[in-house]
Amino acid sequence: MCILRQVVINKIINSEMNIELSFKQENQRGDILDILLNAIENEDITLIKEIVGNQISLEEDIGEGATILMYACGVGSIKTVRLLVSLGANVNVRSGADFPLSNAAIEGHKEIYDYLYPLTNSNLQVIAKEDLSLSQNNI
């Protein structure tokens, strides 16, 4: 009976340790993601290069289905957009109605829009043209 009790206790301890480790890893990932998003906003290319690929993948969901490239397009960071594309970010990735070219169009980031347009598939180009037209009418 004593051995069985010890086995159960060990399983509980191991289970709690795994939960704690997962929690710590998730918190670290959140911290790294916050640092990355701040680096994108400040166009800290050195830090972005260090984090992307080593800790966060190019196509990783950074929240609500968005990728790093979508975020960079939304905030208007042309340096980051060029870097991410050069590293292999998918310009045609979609999350619902969102995709990089559309994000640039909606936010009025014409330089990013012009850069991404020839790289984006024709179906998404049509949608993004409409988004750009709507955003220019609202300015």
N, C-alpha and C. Protein backbone atom coordinates (compact mmCIF):
# COMPACT_ATOMS: atom_id res chain seq x y z
N MET A 1 0.82 -1.19 0.00
CA MET A 1 0.00 0.00 0.00
C MET A 1 0.86 1.25 0.00
N CYS A 2 1.94 1.23 0.70
CA CYS A 2 2.83 2.38 0.80
C CYS A 2 3.47 2.73 -0.56
N ILE A 3 3.83 1.71 -1.32
CA ILE A 3 4.45 1.93 -2.63
C ILE A 3 3.45 2.58 -3.59
N LEU A 4 2.22 2.13 -3.59
CA LEU A 4 1.18 2.68 -4.44
C LEU A 4 0.95 4.16 -4.10
N ARG A 5 0.92 4.43 -2.81
CA ARG A 5 0.72 5.80 -2.36
C ARG A 5 1.85 6.69 -2.87
N GLN A 6 3.09 6.23 -2.80
CA GLN A 6 4.24 7.00 -3.26
C GLN A 6 4.18 7.24 -4.77
N VAL A 7 3.73 6.22 -5.53
CA VAL A 7 3.59 6.35 -6.98
C VAL A 7 2.57 7.45 -7.31
N VAL A 8 1.45 7.44 -6.60
CA VAL A 8 0.41 8.45 -6.83
C VAL A 8 0.94 9.84 -6.48
N ILE A 9 1.62 9.95 -5.36
CA ILE A 9 2.19 11.24 -4.95
C ILE A 9 3.20 11.73 -5.99
N ASN A 10 4.06 10.84 -6.47
CA ASN A 10 5.04 11.22 -7.49
C ASN A 10 4.35 11.70 -8.77
N LYS A 11 3.27 11.02 -9.17
CA LYS A 11 2.54 11.44 -10.37
C LYS A 11 1.94 12.83 -10.17
N ILE A 12 1.40 13.09 -9.01
CA ILE A 12 0.82 14.41 -8.72
C ILE A 12 1.92 15.47 -8.75
N ILE A 13 3.03 15.21 -8.11
CA ILE A 13 4.14 16.16 -8.09
C ILE A 13 4.63 16.43 -9.51
N ASN A 14 4.83 15.38 -10.30
CA ASN A 14 5.29 15.56 -11.68
C ASN A 14 4.27 16.34 -12.50
N SER A 15 3.01 16.05 -12.30
CA SER A 15 1.95 16.75 -13.01
C SER A 15 1.97 18.24 -12.68
N GLU A 16 2.09 18.57 -11.40
CA GLU A 16 2.15 19.97 -10.98
C GLU A 16 3.39 20.65 -11.53
N MET A 17 4.50 19.94 -11.57
CA MET A 17 5.74 20.53 -12.11
C MET A 17 5.58 20.81 -13.59
N ASN A 18 4.94 19.89 -14.33
CA ASN A 18 4.72 20.11 -15.75
C ASN A 18 3.80 21.30 -16.00
N ILE A 19 2.76 21.42 -15.17
CA ILE A 19 1.85 22.55 -15.30
C ILE A 19 2.59 23.85 -15.02
N GLU A 20 3.41 23.86 -13.98
CA GLU A 20 4.17 25.06 -13.63
C GLU A 20 5.16 25.40 -14.74
N LEU A 21 5.83 24.40 -15.30
CA LEU A 21 6.77 24.63 -16.38
C LEU A 21 6.06 25.18 -17.61
N SER A 22 4.90 24.63 -17.96
CA SER A 22 4.13 25.12 -19.09
C SER A 22 3.72 26.57 -18.86
N PHE A 23 3.29 26.90 -17.65
CA PHE A 23 2.89 28.25 -17.31
C PHE A 23 4.06 29.22 -17.48
N LYS A 24 5.23 28.81 -16.99
CA LYS A 24 6.42 29.65 -17.12
C LYS A 24 6.79 29.84 -18.59
N GLN A 25 6.73 28.78 -19.38
CA GLN A 25 7.06 28.89 -20.80
C GLN A 25 6.09 29.80 -21.51
N GLU A 26 4.80 29.71 -21.17
CA GLU A 26 3.80 30.57 -21.81
C GLU A 26 4.03 32.03 -21.42
N ASN A 27 4.38 32.28 -20.16
CA ASN A 27 4.68 33.65 -19.73
C ASN A 27 5.90 34.18 -20.45
N GLN A 28 6.94 33.34 -20.60
CA GLN A 28 8.14 33.78 -21.31
C GLN A 28 7.82 34.10 -22.76
N ARG A 29 7.00 33.26 -23.41
CA ARG A 29 6.61 33.50 -24.79
C ARG A 29 5.87 34.84 -24.90
N GLY A 30 4.97 35.11 -23.95
CA GLY A 30 4.24 36.38 -23.94
C GLY A 30 5.18 37.56 -23.79
N ASP A 31 6.17 37.42 -22.92
CA ASP A 31 7.16 38.49 -22.74
C ASP A 31 7.96 38.72 -24.01
N ILE A 32 8.38 37.64 -24.64
CA ILE A 32 9.15 37.75 -25.89
C ILE A 32 8.30 38.38 -26.98
N LEU A 33 7.05 38.00 -27.04
CA LEU A 33 6.15 38.56 -28.02
C LEU A 33 5.96 40.06 -27.80
N ASP A 34 5.80 40.47 -26.55
CA ASP A 34 5.69 41.91 -26.24
C ASP A 34 6.94 42.66 -26.67
N ILE A 35 8.10 42.08 -26.43
CA ILE A 35 9.36 42.71 -26.84
C ILE A 35 9.42 42.82 -28.36
N LEU A 36 8.99 41.76 -29.05
CA LEU A 36 9.00 41.77 -30.52
C LEU A 36 8.07 42.84 -31.07
N LEU A 37 6.87 42.92 -30.56
CA LEU A 37 5.91 43.91 -31.05
C LEU A 37 6.42 45.33 -30.81
N ASN A 38 7.05 45.55 -29.67
CA ASN A 38 7.65 46.85 -29.38
C ASN A 38 8.80 47.13 -30.35
N ALA A 39 9.60 46.12 -30.65
CA ALA A 39 10.72 46.29 -31.60
C ALA A 39 10.19 46.63 -32.99
N ILE A 40 9.07 46.03 -33.39
CA ILE A 40 8.47 46.34 -34.68
C ILE A 40 8.02 47.79 -34.71
N GLU A 41 7.35 48.22 -33.67
CA GLU A 41 6.87 49.60 -33.60
C GLU A 41 8.02 50.60 -33.65
N ASN A 42 9.17 50.22 -33.10
CA ASN A 42 10.34 51.12 -33.07
C ASN A 42 11.34 50.82 -34.19
N GLU A 43 10.99 49.88 -35.06
CA GLU A 43 11.84 49.46 -36.18
C GLU A 43 13.26 49.08 -35.71
N ASP A 44 13.31 48.33 -34.63
CA ASP A 44 14.58 47.84 -34.10
C ASP A 44 14.93 46.54 -34.84
N ILE A 45 15.52 46.70 -36.01
CA ILE A 45 15.79 45.58 -36.91
C ILE A 45 16.70 44.54 -36.27
N THR A 46 17.69 44.96 -35.53
CA THR A 46 18.62 44.02 -34.88
C THR A 46 17.88 43.11 -33.92
N LEU A 47 17.03 43.68 -33.10
CA LEU A 47 16.27 42.88 -32.13
C LEU A 47 15.26 41.98 -32.83
N ILE A 48 14.61 42.50 -33.86
CA ILE A 48 13.65 41.69 -34.61
C ILE A 48 14.34 40.47 -35.21
N LYS A 49 15.51 40.68 -35.82
CA LYS A 49 16.26 39.56 -36.40
C LYS A 49 16.62 38.53 -35.34
N GLU A 50 16.96 38.99 -34.16
CA GLU A 50 17.36 38.09 -33.07
C GLU A 50 16.18 37.23 -32.60
N ILE A 51 15.00 37.82 -32.54
CA ILE A 51 13.84 37.11 -32.02
C ILE A 51 13.19 36.22 -33.08
N VAL A 52 13.02 36.76 -34.29
CA VAL A 52 12.34 36.01 -35.35
C VAL A 52 13.20 34.82 -35.76
N GLY A 53 12.61 33.69 -35.78
CA GLY A 53 13.32 32.47 -36.16
C GLY A 53 13.90 31.75 -34.97
N ASN A 54 14.46 32.49 -34.03
CA ASN A 54 15.04 31.85 -32.84
C ASN A 54 13.97 31.57 -31.79
N GLN A 55 13.04 32.50 -31.61
CA GLN A 55 12.06 32.36 -30.54
C GLN A 55 10.62 32.39 -31.04
N ILE A 56 10.37 33.14 -32.09
CA ILE A 56 9.03 33.27 -32.66
C ILE A 56 9.17 33.01 -34.16
N SER A 57 8.32 32.14 -34.70
CA SER A 57 8.42 31.84 -36.13
C SER A 57 7.70 32.92 -36.95
N LEU A 58 8.08 33.03 -38.21
CA LEU A 58 7.50 34.03 -39.10
C LEU A 58 5.99 33.90 -39.23
N GLU A 59 5.50 32.68 -39.23
CA GLU A 59 4.08 32.45 -39.47
C GLU A 59 3.28 32.19 -38.19
N GLU A 60 3.92 32.39 -37.05
CA GLU A 60 3.23 32.13 -35.78
C GLU A 60 2.08 33.10 -35.56
N ASP A 61 1.01 32.60 -35.00
CA ASP A 61 -0.14 33.42 -34.62
C ASP A 61 0.27 34.25 -33.40
N ILE A 62 0.33 35.56 -33.58
CA ILE A 62 0.73 36.43 -32.46
C ILE A 62 -0.48 37.00 -31.74
N GLY A 63 -1.65 36.57 -32.14
CA GLY A 63 -2.89 37.01 -31.50
C GLY A 63 -3.97 37.25 -32.54
N GLU A 64 -5.13 36.64 -32.31
CA GLU A 64 -6.28 36.78 -33.19
C GLU A 64 -5.97 36.40 -34.63
N GLY A 65 -5.06 35.44 -34.82
CA GLY A 65 -4.73 34.95 -36.15
C GLY A 65 -3.73 35.77 -36.92
N ALA A 66 -3.28 36.87 -36.36
CA ALA A 66 -2.34 37.75 -37.05
C ALA A 66 -0.92 37.18 -37.01
N THR A 67 -0.17 37.49 -38.06
CA THR A 67 1.25 37.13 -38.10
C THR A 67 2.07 38.39 -37.84
N ILE A 68 3.37 38.19 -37.70
CA ILE A 68 4.27 39.33 -37.49
C ILE A 68 4.20 40.29 -38.67
N LEU A 69 4.13 39.74 -39.89
CA LEU A 69 4.06 40.59 -41.08
C LEU A 69 2.77 41.41 -41.09
N MET A 70 1.66 40.80 -40.73
CA MET A 70 0.40 41.55 -40.67
C MET A 70 0.51 42.71 -39.69
N TYR A 71 1.12 42.43 -38.54
CA TYR A 71 1.28 43.47 -37.52
C TYR A 71 2.16 44.60 -38.03
N ALA A 72 3.28 44.25 -38.65
CA ALA A 72 4.19 45.27 -39.19
C ALA A 72 3.49 46.12 -40.24
N CYS A 73 2.66 45.51 -41.07
CA CYS A 73 1.91 46.26 -42.09
C CYS A 73 0.92 47.21 -41.44
N GLY A 74 0.29 46.76 -40.38
CA GLY A 74 -0.68 47.59 -39.67
C GLY A 74 -0.07 48.80 -39.00
N VAL A 75 1.14 48.64 -38.44
CA VAL A 75 1.77 49.76 -37.74
C VAL A 75 2.59 50.64 -38.69
N GLY A 76 2.80 50.17 -39.92
CA GLY A 76 3.49 51.00 -40.91
C GLY A 76 4.99 50.92 -40.88
N SER A 77 5.53 49.80 -40.47
CA SER A 77 6.98 49.64 -40.37
C SER A 77 7.54 49.03 -41.66
N ILE A 78 7.87 49.89 -42.63
CA ILE A 78 8.36 49.41 -43.92
C ILE A 78 9.68 48.65 -43.78
N LYS A 79 10.56 49.10 -42.91
CA LYS A 79 11.84 48.39 -42.71
C LYS A 79 11.58 46.96 -42.24
N THR A 80 10.65 46.82 -41.31
CA THR A 80 10.34 45.49 -40.79
C THR A 80 9.66 44.64 -41.85
N VAL A 81 8.76 45.23 -42.62
CA VAL A 81 8.07 44.49 -43.68
C VAL A 81 9.10 43.95 -44.67
N ARG A 82 10.03 44.79 -45.10
CA ARG A 82 11.06 44.36 -46.05
C ARG A 82 11.92 43.23 -45.45
N LEU A 83 12.27 43.38 -44.18
CA LEU A 83 13.06 42.34 -43.51
C LEU A 83 12.30 41.02 -43.46
N LEU A 84 11.06 41.06 -43.02
CA LEU A 84 10.27 39.83 -42.87
C LEU A 84 10.06 39.14 -44.22
N VAL A 85 9.82 39.91 -45.26
CA VAL A 85 9.67 39.33 -46.59
C VAL A 85 10.98 38.69 -47.03
N SER A 86 12.10 39.37 -46.76
CA SER A 86 13.40 38.81 -47.14
C SER A 86 13.71 37.52 -46.37
N LEU A 87 13.14 37.39 -45.17
CA LEU A 87 13.33 36.18 -44.36
C LEU A 87 12.36 35.06 -44.75
N GLY A 88 11.42 35.38 -45.65
CA GLY A 88 10.51 34.35 -46.13
C GLY A 88 9.08 34.42 -45.62
N ALA A 89 8.68 35.54 -45.03
CA ALA A 89 7.30 35.66 -44.55
C ALA A 89 6.33 35.53 -45.72
N ASN A 90 5.24 34.85 -45.49
CA ASN A 90 4.21 34.63 -46.51
C ASN A 90 3.35 35.88 -46.66
N VAL A 91 3.46 36.55 -47.81
CA VAL A 91 2.67 37.77 -48.04
C VAL A 91 1.21 37.46 -48.34
N ASN A 92 0.90 36.21 -48.63
CA ASN A 92 -0.47 35.82 -48.97
C ASN A 92 -1.21 35.14 -47.82
N VAL A 93 -0.62 35.14 -46.64
CA VAL A 93 -1.25 34.51 -45.48
C VAL A 93 -2.52 35.29 -45.12
N ARG A 94 -3.57 34.54 -44.76
CA ARG A 94 -4.84 35.17 -44.40
C ARG A 94 -5.29 34.73 -43.02
N SER A 95 -5.95 35.64 -42.36
CA SER A 95 -6.63 35.34 -41.11
C SER A 95 -8.00 35.99 -41.21
N GLY A 96 -8.99 35.20 -41.55
CA GLY A 96 -10.31 35.76 -41.81
C GLY A 96 -10.21 36.69 -43.00
N ALA A 97 -10.59 37.94 -42.81
CA ALA A 97 -10.52 38.93 -43.89
C ALA A 97 -9.18 39.64 -43.93
N ASP A 98 -8.34 39.39 -42.94
CA ASP A 98 -7.05 40.10 -42.85
C ASP A 98 -5.96 39.41 -43.63
N PHE A 99 -5.12 40.22 -44.26
CA PHE A 99 -3.88 39.76 -44.89
C PHE A 99 -2.98 40.98 -44.99
N PRO A 100 -1.67 40.78 -45.14
CA PRO A 100 -0.73 41.90 -45.06
C PRO A 100 -1.05 43.10 -45.96
N LEU A 101 -1.31 42.86 -47.24
CA LEU A 101 -1.58 43.97 -48.17
C LEU A 101 -2.83 44.74 -47.75
N SER A 102 -3.85 44.03 -47.32
CA SER A 102 -5.07 44.67 -46.85
C SER A 102 -4.81 45.51 -45.60
N ASN A 103 -4.02 44.98 -44.68
CA ASN A 103 -3.70 45.75 -43.46
C ASN A 103 -3.01 47.05 -43.81
N ALA A 104 -2.07 47.00 -44.75
CA ALA A 104 -1.37 48.21 -45.18
C ALA A 104 -2.36 49.18 -45.83
N ALA A 105 -3.26 48.67 -46.67
CA ALA A 105 -4.24 49.51 -47.35
C ALA A 105 -5.18 50.19 -46.36
N ILE A 106 -5.74 49.40 -45.45
CA ILE A 106 -6.72 49.92 -44.49
C ILE A 106 -6.09 50.99 -43.60
N GLU A 107 -4.84 50.77 -43.21
CA GLU A 107 -4.17 51.73 -42.33
C GLU A 107 -3.55 52.91 -43.09
N GLY A 108 -3.65 52.88 -44.43
CA GLY A 108 -3.14 53.99 -45.23
C GLY A 108 -1.62 54.02 -45.39
N HIS A 109 -0.97 52.87 -45.28
CA HIS A 109 0.49 52.81 -45.41
C HIS A 109 0.83 52.49 -46.87
N LYS A 110 0.80 53.56 -47.69
CA LYS A 110 0.94 53.42 -49.14
C LYS A 110 2.29 52.85 -49.55
N GLU A 111 3.36 53.21 -48.87
CA GLU A 111 4.69 52.69 -49.22
C GLU A 111 4.72 51.16 -49.04
N ILE A 112 4.15 50.68 -47.97
CA ILE A 112 4.09 49.23 -47.74
C ILE A 112 3.17 48.59 -48.77
N TYR A 113 2.05 49.22 -49.02
CA TYR A 113 1.11 48.72 -50.02
C TYR A 113 1.81 48.57 -51.37
N ASP A 114 2.52 49.61 -51.80
CA ASP A 114 3.22 49.58 -53.10
C ASP A 114 4.30 48.50 -53.13
N TYR A 115 4.96 48.27 -52.01
CA TYR A 115 6.00 47.25 -51.94
C TYR A 115 5.39 45.84 -52.03
N LEU A 116 4.31 45.60 -51.29
CA LEU A 116 3.72 44.27 -51.23
C LEU A 116 2.85 43.92 -52.43
N TYR A 117 2.29 44.93 -53.09
CA TYR A 117 1.33 44.67 -54.15
C TYR A 117 1.84 43.69 -55.21
N PRO A 118 3.01 43.89 -55.79
CA PRO A 118 3.45 42.95 -56.83
C PRO A 118 3.81 41.56 -56.28
N LEU A 119 3.98 41.44 -54.98
CA LEU A 119 4.33 40.16 -54.36
C LEU A 119 3.10 39.35 -53.95
N THR A 120 1.95 39.99 -53.98
CA THR A 120 0.71 39.40 -53.48
C THR A 120 -0.09 38.79 -54.63
N ASN A 121 -0.79 37.68 -54.35
CA ASN A 121 -1.56 37.03 -55.42
C ASN A 121 -2.70 37.93 -55.90
N SER A 122 -3.14 37.70 -57.13
CA SER A 122 -4.09 38.60 -57.80
C SER A 122 -5.45 38.66 -57.11
N ASN A 123 -5.91 37.57 -56.52
CA ASN A 123 -7.19 37.60 -55.81
C ASN A 123 -7.14 38.55 -54.62
N LEU A 124 -6.04 38.52 -53.91
CA LEU A 124 -5.90 39.41 -52.75
C LEU A 124 -5.64 40.85 -53.20
N GLN A 125 -5.00 41.03 -54.34
CA GLN A 125 -4.79 42.38 -54.87
C GLN A 125 -6.12 43.09 -55.10
N VAL A 126 -7.09 42.37 -55.65
CA VAL A 126 -8.41 42.95 -55.93
C VAL A 126 -9.07 43.43 -54.64
N ILE A 127 -9.03 42.59 -53.62
CA ILE A 127 -9.62 42.95 -52.32
C ILE A 127 -8.90 44.16 -51.72
N ALA A 128 -7.58 44.14 -51.79
CA ALA A 128 -6.79 45.22 -51.18
C ALA A 128 -7.00 46.54 -51.91
N LYS A 129 -7.22 46.50 -53.22
CA LYS A 129 -7.51 47.75 -53.97
C LYS A 129 -8.78 48.39 -53.43
N GLU A 130 -9.77 47.57 -53.16
CA GLU A 130 -11.02 48.09 -52.58
C GLU A 130 -10.76 48.68 -51.20
N ASP A 131 -9.97 47.99 -50.40
CA ASP A 131 -9.64 48.49 -49.06
C ASP A 131 -8.90 49.81 -49.13
N LEU A 132 -7.96 49.91 -50.08
CA LEU A 132 -7.19 51.15 -50.25
C LEU A 132 -8.11 52.29 -50.67
N SER A 133 -9.01 52.01 -51.59
CA SER A 133 -9.96 53.02 -52.06
C SER A 133 -10.82 53.51 -50.90
N LEU A 134 -11.31 52.59 -50.09
CA LEU A 134 -12.12 52.97 -48.94
C LEU A 134 -11.33 53.79 -47.93
N SER A 135 -10.09 53.40 -47.67
CA SER A 135 -9.28 54.13 -46.68
C SER A 135 -8.94 55.52 -47.18
N GLN A 136 -8.72 55.70 -48.49
CA GLN A 136 -8.40 57.02 -49.04
C GLN A 136 -9.64 57.92 -49.02
N ASN A 137 -10.82 57.35 -49.14
CA ASN A 137 -12.06 58.13 -49.06
C ASN A 137 -12.32 58.63 -47.65
N ASN A 138 -11.79 57.91 -46.67
CA ASN A 138 -12.00 58.29 -45.27
C ASN A 138 -11.00 59.32 -44.76
N ILE A 139 -9.97 59.59 -45.54
CA ILE A 139 -8.92 60.53 -45.10
C ILE A 139 -9.36 61.95 -45.35
